[in-house]
Amino acid sequence: MTNYEKLNISEYQDVLITNSYGEIVFFDMANLKMFDLRPEDILGHKVTSLYKDFNENESTIMKVLKDGIPICNYKQSLKTKKNNIVYQIGSTFPIMARKNIIGAVEFSKYLYKEDTISLSKTHSEHRVYRKNDTIYLIDDIVAANPKMLEIKEKIRRVAKTNSSVLIYGETGTGKEMLAQSIHNLSARYDNKFVSQNCAAIPDTLFESTFFGTVKGSFTGAEDKKGLFEEAQGGTLFIDEINSLSSVMQVKLLKAIEEKRIKRIGSTKNINLDLRIIAALNENPMALVRTGRLREDLFYRLAVVQFNIPSLRVREEEIILLINNYINYYNRLMNKNVAGISSELKEIVLSYDWPGNIRELKNMIESAFNNEPGEYIQKKDIPEYIKGTDIKNEFSLVDEKINLKRYLEEYEKNIIIQKLKESEGNMAEAARQMMLSRQSLKYKIEKYNIEIL
């Protein structure tokens, strides 16, 4: 019986796949910090770059790529970038296509001897951001626009510090994606990223939500951590902070400045070690001028500020984003859509995108549900986006249009979209459109809009 026949893949913890050049195209490693590595140090890099003083002659993957012969149940010692020694047990196999070697896959696990036990205890098991409650890395930010490219470079710089960050951008521009990217590039990435939209918290629940409670502090209260404690060691992302009343903004500011809190009903101070990232979907200076955002809170949060441009001024990224989401939904729905038609390309490039990237993604998902052919056509997308083609949507007489009717139809489509995004929450939809709830209710009745 050969070593290959004795192999039990389930015994291994880690997987590494490379192309024919030894460049890593997929990885799942249980404990990156143990090897002084970050995800951006791995994907797309040569396998020999993972360890110190490691060359192609020592790499089982490079040997398999050269010879095409599996190497099973081997043992080797490896030196991390910080000169720590780890011991690897693994098996490596070639990936073949029509008798050609197109890559290699390595299954492995690591053993720790007495001199490395203390090292292993200092790092928690971590599977590439699965355990820190994030889904986005900086590479997920599609950027071709000069301002977006500047933002990505700024993220890399800012991530190295612990300064508070304020992100301003319209609804759907990707504020949380940016916040997660900062977290995952920081030294805090192996701790939790905790996210909370303040619009979803009434004043009566603010303190218990953020500061936590002790049993008996009020009827039904239990010992429970608040958001600050949940995010200890990591990042707390607070969206739509202007939704908080002025009184609650003061309490938030106090906790951030003092870096300590007390649970409701407790006399014990809890010292905080976390980073604060806040976000707004309205211009912060306008909010300060109108009193909806306290000036002192603004200055405390905006140590570093990001202003994300809306999609309508990022025309060069629209097709890139569409192709990105087509690839995503091809994988998710097992389809083979190649792109969009030339007619649809004209429509999407002339559309205003009030819902920004989120709206664009929803458009592609909607098209996939309409069973498109090789190319997504105009017929496959939502009706409200087709409305940008005025000549097809409204009857023209001598090249003139009924402006009042067009504007009302446009307003109706925006309201429908915002209600959809807020899942029928009128208060949230009204807030996004800067309308009073009463005004929104009037317009819903005027246009006979059904709320799902």
Protein backbone atom coordinates (compact mmCIF):
# COMPACT_ATOMS: atom_id res chain seq x y z
CA MET A 1 0.00 0.00 0.00
CA THR A 2 1.43 3.41 -1.02
CA ASN A 3 1.53 6.54 1.12
CA TYR A 4 -1.05 7.99 -1.26
CA GLU A 5 -3.47 5.18 -0.52
CA LYS A 6 -3.02 5.69 3.24
CA LEU A 7 -3.70 9.42 3.01
CA ASN A 8 -6.64 10.82 4.99
CA ILE A 9 -7.33 14.38 3.81
CA SER A 10 -9.69 15.05 6.74
CA GLU A 11 -6.72 15.00 9.11
CA TYR A 12 -5.38 18.22 7.62
CA GLN A 13 -6.36 21.77 8.59
CA ASP A 14 -5.03 23.95 5.77
CA VAL A 15 -5.37 24.05 1.98
CA LEU A 16 -3.18 25.93 -0.49
CA ILE A 17 -3.70 25.96 -4.28
CA THR A 18 -1.29 27.50 -6.81
CA ASN A 19 -1.20 27.98 -10.55
CA SER A 20 1.54 26.44 -12.71
CA TYR A 21 3.95 29.24 -11.72
CA GLY A 22 3.61 28.58 -8.01
CA GLU A 23 1.47 31.69 -7.45
CA ILE A 24 -1.24 31.19 -4.82
CA VAL A 25 -4.80 31.35 -6.21
CA PHE A 26 -6.68 29.95 -3.17
CA PHE A 27 -5.90 29.37 0.49
CA ASP A 28 -7.60 28.39 3.72
CA MET A 29 -5.14 28.60 6.61
CA ALA A 30 -6.24 28.19 10.20
CA ASN A 31 -3.76 30.48 11.92
CA LEU A 32 -2.23 33.23 9.81
CA LYS A 33 -0.81 35.25 12.69
CA MET A 34 1.16 32.20 13.80
CA PHE A 35 3.14 32.56 10.58
CA ASP A 36 3.36 36.36 10.72
CA LEU A 37 1.16 36.52 7.62
CA ARG A 38 -1.87 38.49 6.48
CA PRO A 39 -4.25 37.48 3.66
CA GLU A 40 -2.85 40.18 1.37
CA ASP A 41 0.61 38.57 1.83
CA ILE A 42 -0.68 35.30 0.36
CA LEU A 43 -3.13 35.55 -2.52
CA GLY A 44 -1.31 36.18 -5.81
CA HIS A 45 2.14 35.75 -4.23
CA LYS A 46 4.69 33.02 -4.91
CA VAL A 47 4.50 30.15 -2.44
CA THR A 48 8.20 30.58 -1.65
CA SER A 49 7.49 34.08 -0.28
CA LEU A 50 5.48 32.75 2.68
CA TYR A 51 8.49 31.76 4.77
CA LYS A 52 11.95 33.09 5.47
CA ASP A 53 14.96 31.59 3.66
CA PHE A 54 12.61 29.34 1.67
CA ASN A 55 13.53 28.51 -1.93
CA GLU A 56 12.09 26.49 -4.80
CA ASN A 57 14.26 23.46 -4.04
CA GLU A 58 12.71 23.23 -0.55
CA SER A 59 9.11 23.80 -1.66
CA THR A 60 7.08 20.64 -2.17
CA ILE A 61 4.67 22.61 -4.34
CA MET A 62 7.43 23.73 -6.71
CA LYS A 63 8.79 20.16 -6.87
CA VAL A 64 5.35 18.79 -7.73
CA LEU A 65 4.84 21.47 -10.37
CA LYS A 66 8.14 20.45 -11.93
CA ASP A 67 7.83 16.66 -11.74
CA GLY A 68 4.08 16.06 -11.62
CA ILE A 69 4.58 13.44 -8.89
CA PRO A 70 2.58 13.68 -5.61
CA ILE A 71 4.54 14.05 -2.38
CA CYS A 72 2.59 12.53 0.51
CA ASN A 73 2.89 12.56 4.29
CA TYR A 74 6.08 14.64 4.37
CA LYS A 75 7.41 16.53 7.38
CA GLN A 76 9.44 19.73 7.31
CA SER A 77 10.42 22.67 9.47
CA LEU A 78 9.72 26.22 8.27
CA LYS A 79 10.93 29.61 9.49
CA THR A 80 8.43 32.51 9.74
CA LYS A 81 9.30 36.09 8.80
CA LYS A 82 10.05 36.74 12.49
CA ASN A 83 12.38 33.72 12.78
CA ASN A 84 9.92 31.46 14.62
CA ILE A 85 10.19 27.78 13.69
CA VAL A 86 7.02 25.81 12.86
CA TYR A 87 6.75 22.14 11.88
CA GLN A 88 4.57 21.13 8.96
CA ILE A 89 3.06 17.77 7.99
CA GLY A 90 1.48 17.72 4.56
CA SER A 91 0.73 16.18 1.19
CA THR A 92 1.00 17.91 -2.18
CA PHE A 93 -0.60 16.89 -5.48
CA PRO A 94 -0.41 18.18 -9.07
CA ILE A 95 -3.53 19.54 -10.76
CA MET A 96 -3.72 18.10 -14.29
CA ALA A 97 -5.61 19.13 -17.43
CA ARG A 98 -5.12 16.98 -20.54
CA LYS A 99 -1.81 15.66 -19.24
CA ASN A 100 -0.54 19.19 -18.52
CA ILE A 101 0.34 20.41 -15.02
CA ILE A 102 -1.75 23.55 -14.47
CA GLY A 103 -1.26 23.89 -10.73
CA ALA A 104 -0.78 22.17 -7.38
CA VAL A 105 -2.77 21.67 -4.19
CA GLU A 106 -1.24 21.23 -0.75
CA PHE A 107 -3.02 19.85 2.33
CA SER A 108 -1.18 20.44 5.62
CA LYS A 109 -1.25 20.84 9.37
CA TYR A 110 1.29 22.13 11.84
CA LEU A 111 2.87 20.68 14.99
CA TYR A 112 4.32 22.70 17.85
CA LYS A 113 7.29 21.60 19.89
CA GLU A 114 8.08 22.80 23.39
CA ASP A 115 9.91 25.91 22.20
CA THR A 116 6.92 27.05 20.12
CA ILE A 117 4.05 26.24 22.50
CA SER A 118 4.18 29.68 24.08
CA LEU A 119 4.12 31.24 20.63
CA SER A 120 1.03 29.27 19.60
CA LYS A 121 -0.83 30.36 22.72
CA THR A 122 -0.44 34.02 21.83
CA HIS A 123 -2.49 33.65 18.65
CA SER A 124 -6.09 32.56 18.36
CA GLU A 125 -7.21 30.26 15.56
CA HIS A 126 -8.30 32.41 12.69
CA ARG A 127 -9.64 31.33 9.28
CA VAL A 128 -9.18 34.31 7.00
CA TYR A 129 -11.60 36.76 8.59
CA ARG A 130 -14.41 34.23 9.08
CA LYS A 131 -14.43 34.79 12.80
CA ASN A 132 -14.27 38.59 12.94
CA ASP A 133 -17.71 39.12 11.38
CA THR A 134 -16.52 40.76 8.17
CA ILE A 135 -16.99 39.84 4.52
CA TYR A 136 -15.01 42.57 2.74
CA LEU A 137 -11.33 43.21 2.12
CA ILE A 138 -9.76 46.19 0.38
CA ASP A 139 -9.54 44.20 -2.87
CA ASP A 140 -13.36 44.11 -2.92
CA ILE A 141 -13.41 47.87 -3.50
CA VAL A 142 -13.61 48.30 -7.27
CA ALA A 143 -11.69 51.46 -8.13
CA ALA A 144 -10.81 53.17 -11.41
CA ASN A 145 -11.96 56.68 -10.55
CA PRO A 146 -9.03 58.85 -9.31
CA LYS A 147 -10.85 59.73 -6.06
CA MET A 148 -11.56 56.06 -5.34
CA LEU A 149 -7.94 55.12 -6.04
CA GLU A 150 -6.89 57.82 -3.56
CA ILE A 151 -9.33 56.41 -1.01
CA LYS A 152 -7.82 52.93 -1.32
CA GLU A 153 -4.33 54.31 -0.74
CA LYS A 154 -5.60 56.31 2.23
CA ILE A 155 -7.21 53.18 3.69
CA ARG A 156 -3.83 51.45 3.66
CA ARG A 157 -2.23 54.32 5.56
CA VAL A 158 -5.05 54.88 8.03
CA ALA A 159 -5.40 51.18 8.88
CA LYS A 160 -2.02 51.27 10.63
CA THR A 161 -3.28 53.71 13.28
CA ASN A 162 -6.00 53.62 15.94
CA SER A 163 -7.48 57.05 15.16
CA SER A 164 -11.24 57.49 14.92
CA VAL A 165 -12.62 57.57 11.37
CA LEU A 166 -15.68 59.29 9.90
CA ILE A 167 -17.02 58.10 6.53
CA TYR A 168 -19.42 60.24 4.52
CA GLY A 169 -21.21 58.87 1.48
CA GLU A 170 -24.68 58.60 0.01
CA THR A 171 -26.77 55.50 0.66
CA GLY A 172 -25.34 52.53 -1.19
CA THR A 173 -21.83 53.89 -1.82
CA GLY A 174 -20.14 51.17 0.26
CA LYS A 175 -19.41 52.80 3.62
CA GLU A 176 -19.36 49.53 5.56
CA MET A 177 -17.16 47.91 2.91
CA LEU A 178 -14.66 50.71 3.46
CA ALA A 179 -14.90 50.32 7.25
CA GLN A 180 -14.33 46.56 7.06
CA SER A 181 -11.35 47.12 4.77
CA ILE A 182 -9.76 49.39 7.38
CA HIS A 183 -10.39 46.81 10.10
CA ASN A 184 -8.99 43.92 8.06
CA LEU A 185 -5.80 45.82 7.23
CA SER A 186 -5.25 46.82 10.84
CA ALA A 187 -3.53 44.99 13.67
CA ARG A 188 -7.02 44.40 15.12
CA TYR A 189 -8.16 42.16 12.27
CA ASP A 190 -8.22 38.98 14.37
CA ASN A 191 -10.75 40.59 16.74
CA LYS A 192 -14.39 41.36 16.02
CA PHE A 193 -15.84 43.98 13.72
CA VAL A 194 -19.12 45.06 15.32
CA SER A 195 -21.61 47.04 13.22
CA GLN A 196 -24.69 49.00 14.33
CA ASN A 197 -27.05 51.32 12.45
CA CYS A 198 -28.20 54.00 14.89
CA ALA A 199 -31.43 54.55 12.95
CA ALA A 200 -32.58 51.19 14.27
CA ILE A 201 -32.13 52.14 17.95
CA PRO A 202 -34.77 54.17 19.83
CA ASP A 203 -33.41 56.46 22.55
CA THR A 204 -34.89 54.23 25.26
CA LEU A 205 -32.63 51.35 24.16
CA PHE A 206 -29.48 53.30 23.36
CA GLU A 207 -27.68 52.85 26.68
CA SER A 208 -28.50 49.17 27.10
CA THR A 209 -27.50 48.51 23.48
CA PHE A 210 -24.15 50.31 23.65
CA PHE A 211 -23.17 49.97 27.32
CA GLY A 212 -24.77 46.67 28.36
CA THR A 213 -26.74 45.76 31.48
CA VAL A 214 -26.38 43.93 34.78
CA LYS A 215 -29.00 41.59 36.14
CA GLY A 216 -31.69 43.37 38.17
CA SER A 217 -30.86 46.88 36.95
CA PHE A 218 -34.43 47.07 35.63
CA THR A 219 -37.29 44.66 35.16
CA GLY A 220 -36.17 41.79 32.97
CA ALA A 221 -32.55 42.96 32.78
CA GLU A 222 -29.84 40.30 32.50
CA ASP A 223 -26.06 40.39 32.54
CA LYS A 224 -25.39 41.37 28.96
CA LYS A 225 -22.53 42.95 27.06
CA GLY A 226 -23.15 46.12 25.10
CA LEU A 227 -21.69 46.93 21.69
CA PHE A 228 -18.60 48.55 23.21
CA GLU A 229 -17.72 45.36 25.08
CA GLU A 230 -18.55 43.18 22.09
CA ALA A 231 -16.02 45.14 20.05
CA GLN A 232 -13.23 45.03 22.65
CA GLY A 233 -9.89 44.65 20.88
CA GLY A 234 -11.54 45.21 17.51
CA THR A 235 -13.57 47.85 15.70
CA LEU A 236 -17.00 49.35 16.40
CA PHE A 237 -18.69 50.66 13.25
CA ILE A 238 -21.54 53.09 13.99
CA ASP A 239 -23.67 54.05 10.99
CA GLU A 240 -26.06 57.03 10.74
CA ILE A 241 -24.93 58.58 14.01
CA ASN A 242 -27.01 61.67 13.22
CA SER A 243 -30.11 59.53 13.91
CA LEU A 244 -29.24 59.71 17.60
CA SER A 245 -30.76 62.49 19.67
CA SER A 246 -28.45 65.21 20.98
CA VAL A 247 -28.60 63.68 24.49
CA MET A 248 -27.50 60.26 23.19
CA GLN A 249 -24.76 61.87 21.10
CA VAL A 250 -23.36 63.39 24.32
CA LYS A 251 -23.29 59.96 26.00
CA LEU A 252 -21.60 58.44 22.96
CA LEU A 253 -19.01 61.22 22.92
CA LYS A 254 -18.29 60.77 26.64
CA ALA A 255 -17.62 57.04 26.21
CA ILE A 256 -15.34 57.62 23.22
CA GLU A 257 -13.36 60.38 24.92
CA GLU A 258 -12.97 58.66 28.28
CA LYS A 259 -12.42 55.22 26.73
CA ARG A 260 -14.45 53.61 29.47
CA ILE A 261 -18.06 52.76 30.18
CA LYS A 262 -20.34 51.37 32.88
CA ARG A 263 -23.07 48.86 32.27
CA ILE A 264 -26.53 50.03 33.29
CA GLY A 265 -26.93 49.23 37.00
CA SER A 266 -23.19 48.77 37.59
CA THR A 267 -20.64 50.90 39.46
CA LYS A 268 -17.69 49.18 37.79
CA ASN A 269 -15.79 50.97 35.05
CA ILE A 270 -14.91 48.95 31.95
CA ASN A 271 -11.85 50.26 30.10
CA LEU A 272 -12.18 50.22 26.33
CA ASP A 273 -9.65 49.09 23.77
CA LEU A 274 -11.26 49.47 20.36
CA ARG A 275 -11.36 51.61 17.27
CA ILE A 276 -14.39 53.72 16.38
CA ILE A 277 -15.47 54.13 12.77
CA ALA A 278 -18.62 56.20 12.22
CA ALA A 279 -20.60 56.87 9.05
CA LEU A 280 -23.10 59.38 7.69
CA ASN A 281 -25.20 59.45 4.52
CA GLU A 282 -25.65 63.24 4.72
CA ASN A 283 -23.05 65.99 4.53
CA PRO A 284 -21.56 66.24 8.04
CA MET A 285 -21.03 70.01 7.95
CA ALA A 286 -24.65 70.54 6.92
CA LEU A 287 -25.72 68.31 9.82
CA VAL A 288 -23.56 70.34 12.23
CA ARG A 289 -25.00 73.63 10.95
CA THR A 290 -28.58 72.41 11.41
CA GLY A 291 -27.87 70.96 14.86
CA ARG A 292 -28.54 67.33 13.88
CA LEU A 293 -24.92 66.39 14.63
CA ARG A 294 -23.13 67.81 17.63
CA GLU A 295 -20.06 69.78 16.68
CA ASP A 296 -17.94 68.27 19.46
CA LEU A 297 -18.88 64.72 18.42
CA PHE A 298 -18.10 65.51 14.78
CA TYR A 299 -14.59 66.77 15.59
CA ARG A 300 -13.93 63.80 17.87
CA LEU A 301 -14.91 61.29 15.19
CA ALA A 302 -13.48 63.05 12.14
CA VAL A 303 -9.83 62.66 13.12
CA VAL A 304 -9.65 60.94 9.75
CA GLN A 305 -12.45 61.58 7.25
CA PHE A 306 -13.36 59.76 4.04
CA ASN A 307 -15.77 61.27 1.52
CA ILE A 308 -16.98 58.55 -0.86
CA PRO A 309 -18.07 59.97 -4.23
CA SER A 310 -21.46 58.88 -5.58
CA LEU A 311 -21.59 56.41 -8.46
CA ARG A 312 -22.95 59.02 -10.87
CA VAL A 313 -19.55 60.75 -10.89
CA ARG A 314 -17.65 57.47 -11.20
CA GLU A 315 -18.69 56.59 -14.74
CA GLU A 316 -15.44 54.72 -15.44
CA GLU A 317 -16.33 52.20 -12.70
CA ILE A 318 -19.92 51.38 -13.70
CA ILE A 319 -19.04 48.72 -16.30
CA LEU A 320 -16.30 47.33 -14.03
CA LEU A 321 -18.83 46.95 -11.22
CA ILE A 322 -21.39 45.37 -13.55
CA ASN A 323 -18.86 42.79 -14.75
CA ASN A 324 -17.85 42.13 -11.14
CA TYR A 325 -21.46 41.40 -10.12
CA ILE A 326 -22.12 39.35 -13.26
CA ASN A 327 -19.18 37.11 -12.28
CA TYR A 328 -20.53 36.93 -8.73
CA TYR A 329 -24.04 35.90 -9.73
CA ASN A 330 -22.71 33.51 -12.38
CA ARG A 331 -21.00 31.61 -9.58
CA LEU A 332 -23.89 31.95 -7.17
CA MET A 333 -26.65 30.95 -9.62
CA ASN A 334 -24.60 28.62 -11.83
CA LYS A 335 -25.14 30.67 -14.99
CA ASN A 336 -22.90 31.81 -17.82
CA VAL A 337 -23.81 35.43 -18.59
CA ALA A 338 -21.06 37.16 -20.57
CA GLY A 339 -22.01 40.82 -20.10
CA ILE A 340 -24.60 43.45 -21.03
CA SER A 341 -25.89 44.52 -24.42
CA SER A 342 -24.72 47.74 -26.11
CA GLU A 343 -28.25 49.19 -25.69
CA LEU A 344 -28.19 48.50 -21.95
CA LYS A 345 -24.69 49.93 -21.68
CA GLU A 346 -26.00 53.28 -22.95
CA ILE A 347 -28.81 53.21 -20.41
CA VAL A 348 -26.64 52.41 -17.37
CA LEU A 349 -24.07 55.05 -18.31
CA SER A 350 -26.76 57.75 -18.56
CA TYR A 351 -28.66 56.70 -15.42
CA ASP A 352 -28.22 58.79 -12.26
CA TRP A 353 -27.92 55.85 -9.79
CA PRO A 354 -29.60 57.41 -6.74
CA GLY A 355 -29.06 54.12 -4.88
CA ASN A 356 -25.42 53.95 -5.99
CA ILE A 357 -23.54 50.62 -5.92
CA ARG A 358 -26.25 48.84 -3.93
CA GLU A 359 -28.80 49.78 -6.60
CA LEU A 360 -26.49 48.59 -9.37
CA LYS A 361 -25.97 45.25 -7.65
CA ASN A 362 -29.73 44.86 -7.19
CA MET A 363 -30.20 45.56 -10.91
CA ILE A 364 -27.86 42.71 -11.86
CA GLU A 365 -29.50 40.33 -9.39
CA SER A 366 -32.91 41.28 -10.79
CA ALA A 367 -31.67 40.60 -14.34
CA PHE A 368 -30.39 37.16 -13.34
CA ASN A 369 -33.82 36.32 -11.93
CA ASN A 370 -35.30 37.14 -15.36
CA GLU A 371 -33.24 34.35 -16.96
CA PRO A 372 -31.11 36.47 -19.30
CA GLY A 373 -29.37 35.00 -22.34
CA GLU A 374 -25.68 35.38 -23.05
CA TYR A 375 -26.01 39.14 -22.59
CA ILE A 376 -28.31 41.03 -20.21
CA GLN A 377 -30.77 43.09 -22.23
CA LYS A 378 -32.88 46.15 -21.47
CA LYS A 379 -35.91 43.89 -20.99
CA ASP A 380 -34.16 42.10 -18.11
CA ILE A 381 -33.68 45.10 -15.81
CA PRO A 382 -36.16 46.83 -13.45
CA GLU A 383 -38.69 49.21 -15.02
CA TYR A 384 -37.59 52.27 -13.04
CA ILE A 385 -34.09 52.13 -14.58
CA LYS A 386 -35.49 51.83 -18.09
CA GLY A 387 -37.17 55.17 -17.40
CA THR A 388 -33.91 56.93 -18.25
CA ASP A 389 -34.72 56.26 -21.90
CA ILE A 390 -37.27 59.07 -22.09
CA LYS A 391 -38.26 58.53 -25.71
CA ASN A 392 -39.32 54.97 -25.05
CA GLU A 393 -41.10 55.70 -21.78
CA PHE A 394 -43.13 58.77 -22.68
CA SER A 395 -45.05 59.70 -25.80
CA LEU A 396 -43.35 62.53 -27.64
CA VAL A 397 -45.14 65.14 -29.75
CA ASP A 398 -42.86 67.08 -32.06
CA GLU A 399 -39.90 66.10 -29.84
CA LYS A 400 -41.56 67.67 -26.78
CA ILE A 401 -42.31 65.91 -23.49
CA ASN A 402 -44.74 66.48 -20.65
CA LEU A 403 -42.16 67.64 -18.09
CA LYS A 404 -44.55 67.48 -15.13
CA ARG A 405 -45.45 63.89 -15.95
CA TYR A 406 -41.81 62.91 -16.42
CA LEU A 407 -40.73 64.43 -13.10
CA GLU A 408 -43.61 62.79 -11.25
CA GLU A 409 -42.74 59.42 -12.78
CA TYR A 410 -39.10 59.88 -11.81
CA GLU A 411 -40.09 60.83 -8.24
CA LYS A 412 -42.38 57.81 -8.03
CA ASN A 413 -39.58 55.46 -9.13
CA ILE A 414 -37.18 56.87 -6.52
CA ILE A 415 -39.78 56.41 -3.76
CA ILE A 416 -40.40 52.82 -4.85
CA GLN A 417 -36.66 52.12 -4.82
CA LYS A 418 -36.13 53.63 -1.36
CA LEU A 419 -39.08 51.72 0.07
CA LYS A 420 -37.61 48.56 -1.39
CA GLU A 421 -34.17 49.28 0.10
CA SER A 422 -35.70 49.97 3.52
CA GLU A 423 -37.90 46.85 3.29
CA GLY A 424 -41.06 48.95 3.55
CA ASN A 425 -39.89 50.99 6.56
CA MET A 426 -41.47 54.40 5.84
CA ALA A 427 -39.46 56.22 8.49
CA GLU A 428 -36.18 54.93 7.10
CA ALA A 429 -37.18 55.66 3.49
CA ALA A 430 -38.25 59.19 4.44
CA ARG A 431 -34.94 59.75 6.21
CA GLN A 432 -32.97 58.66 3.15
CA MET A 433 -34.89 61.10 0.94
CA MET A 434 -34.79 63.89 3.55
CA LEU A 435 -38.59 64.02 3.70
CA SER A 436 -40.91 64.07 6.68
CA ARG A 437 -42.87 60.88 7.23
CA GLN A 438 -46.07 62.81 6.55
CA SER A 439 -44.74 64.07 3.19
CA LEU A 440 -43.73 60.56 2.18
CA LYS A 441 -47.14 59.20 3.16
CA TYR A 442 -48.81 61.87 1.02
CA LYS A 443 -46.67 60.99 -2.02
CA ILE A 444 -47.30 57.25 -1.56
CA GLU A 445 -51.04 57.91 -1.63
CA LYS A 446 -50.68 60.36 -4.54
CA TYR A 447 -48.86 57.83 -6.71
CA ASN A 448 -50.88 54.85 -5.44
CA ILE A 449 -47.71 53.02 -4.40
CA GLU A 450 -48.15 49.66 -2.70
CA ILE A 451 -45.87 48.99 0.29
CA LEU A 452 -44.74 45.38 0.39
